[in-house]
Amino acid sequence: MVGKSTQAAGLASDYLAAHAEVLEQLPERFQLVGIDLDYPRGLAAALQQPLDPAEGPAVYALVRGERLVALLTPGGGLGVEEAA
């Protein structure tokens, strides 16, 4: 499951690198946690990951298949446009 979480975080990182306007809406420091919605057991594992509060709040990247669906931030959800 860790591999799927890492892949989801990688897709989100790629998206953020290509969309500075979305990155600007996120906290200055944050911990990106990838969640592959196609693997429900991975969801529980991702939510139980120990996070270091000194590194900033968690931003959850929700991925289905090969597509980033949404980013969940401390301020609420951010929809993301489908990558071409």
Protein backbone atom coordinates (compact mmCIF):
# COMPACT_ATOMS: atom_id res chain seq x y z
CA MET A 1 0.00 0.00 0.00
CA VAL A 2 2.88 2.35 0.63
CA GLY A 3 3.78 2.13 -3.05
CA LYS A 4 0.30 3.26 -4.10
CA SER A 5 0.45 6.14 -1.60
CA THR A 6 3.83 7.17 -2.99
CA GLN A 7 2.50 7.04 -6.56
CA ALA A 8 -0.47 9.20 -5.55
CA ALA A 9 1.82 11.75 -3.90
CA GLY A 10 4.01 11.72 -7.03
CA LEU A 11 1.03 12.52 -9.26
CA ALA A 12 0.10 15.37 -6.92
CA SER A 13 3.68 16.70 -6.89
CA ASP A 14 3.75 16.68 -10.69
CA TYR A 15 0.42 18.51 -10.79
CA LEU A 16 1.58 21.15 -8.30
CA ALA A 17 4.80 21.69 -10.24
CA ALA A 18 2.74 22.44 -13.35
CA HIS A 19 0.08 24.56 -11.59
CA ALA A 20 1.70 27.30 -9.52
CA GLU A 21 -1.70 28.93 -8.96
CA VAL A 22 -2.82 25.88 -6.97
CA LEU A 23 0.47 25.65 -5.08
CA GLU A 24 0.03 29.28 -4.00
CA GLN A 25 -3.23 28.32 -2.24
CA LEU A 26 -1.45 25.79 -0.02
CA PRO A 27 0.32 26.54 3.26
CA GLU A 28 3.95 27.62 2.87
CA ARG A 29 5.09 24.38 4.52
CA PHE A 30 3.03 21.21 4.30
CA GLN A 31 3.30 17.45 4.25
CA LEU A 32 1.87 15.87 1.11
CA VAL A 33 0.07 12.59 1.79
CA GLY A 34 -1.06 10.61 -1.24
CA ILE A 35 -4.28 8.62 -1.04
CA ASP A 36 -5.21 6.26 -3.87
CA LEU A 37 -9.02 6.05 -3.78
CA ASP A 38 -8.93 2.76 -5.69
CA TYR A 39 -7.30 1.06 -2.66
CA PRO A 40 -9.52 1.52 0.44
CA ARG A 41 -7.01 -0.23 2.71
CA GLY A 42 -4.43 2.30 1.60
CA LEU A 43 -6.74 5.08 2.74
CA ALA A 44 -6.62 3.84 6.34
CA ALA A 45 -2.84 3.46 6.16
CA ALA A 46 -2.39 6.97 4.76
CA LEU A 47 -4.56 8.52 7.45
CA GLN A 48 -2.60 6.71 10.16
CA GLN A 49 0.81 7.91 8.95
CA PRO A 50 2.72 9.65 11.72
CA LEU A 51 3.21 13.28 10.76
CA ASP A 52 5.62 15.79 12.27
CA PRO A 53 3.73 18.97 13.20
CA ALA A 54 6.97 20.95 12.80
CA GLU A 55 6.90 20.12 9.08
CA GLY A 56 3.54 21.81 8.58
CA PRO A 57 -0.02 20.55 8.21
CA ALA A 58 -1.04 17.60 6.08
CA VAL A 59 -2.34 18.17 2.58
CA TYR A 60 -4.05 15.03 1.29
CA ALA A 61 -3.86 14.29 -2.42
CA LEU A 62 -6.80 12.15 -3.55
CA VAL A 63 -6.03 10.13 -6.65
CA ARG A 64 -8.24 7.78 -8.66
CA GLY A 65 -6.49 5.77 -11.34
CA GLU A 66 -3.86 8.04 -12.86
CA ARG A 67 -5.77 11.25 -12.11
CA LEU A 68 -5.53 13.70 -9.23
CA VAL A 69 -9.12 14.29 -8.07
CA ALA A 70 -8.72 16.78 -5.23
CA LEU A 71 -6.43 18.22 -2.60
CA LEU A 72 -7.69 18.35 0.98
CA THR A 73 -6.07 21.19 2.90
CA PRO A 74 -6.47 22.55 6.43
CA GLY A 75 -8.68 25.27 4.91
CA GLY A 76 -10.88 22.85 2.96
CA GLY A 77 -10.86 21.01 -0.33
CA LEU A 78 -9.35 22.27 -3.56
CA GLY A 79 -10.76 20.88 -6.77
CA VAL A 80 -8.22 20.34 -9.46
CA GLU A 81 -8.74 20.51 -13.18
CA GLU A 82 -8.12 17.29 -15.02
CA ALA A 83 -4.62 17.10 -16.38
CA ALA A 84 -4.49 16.65 -20.12
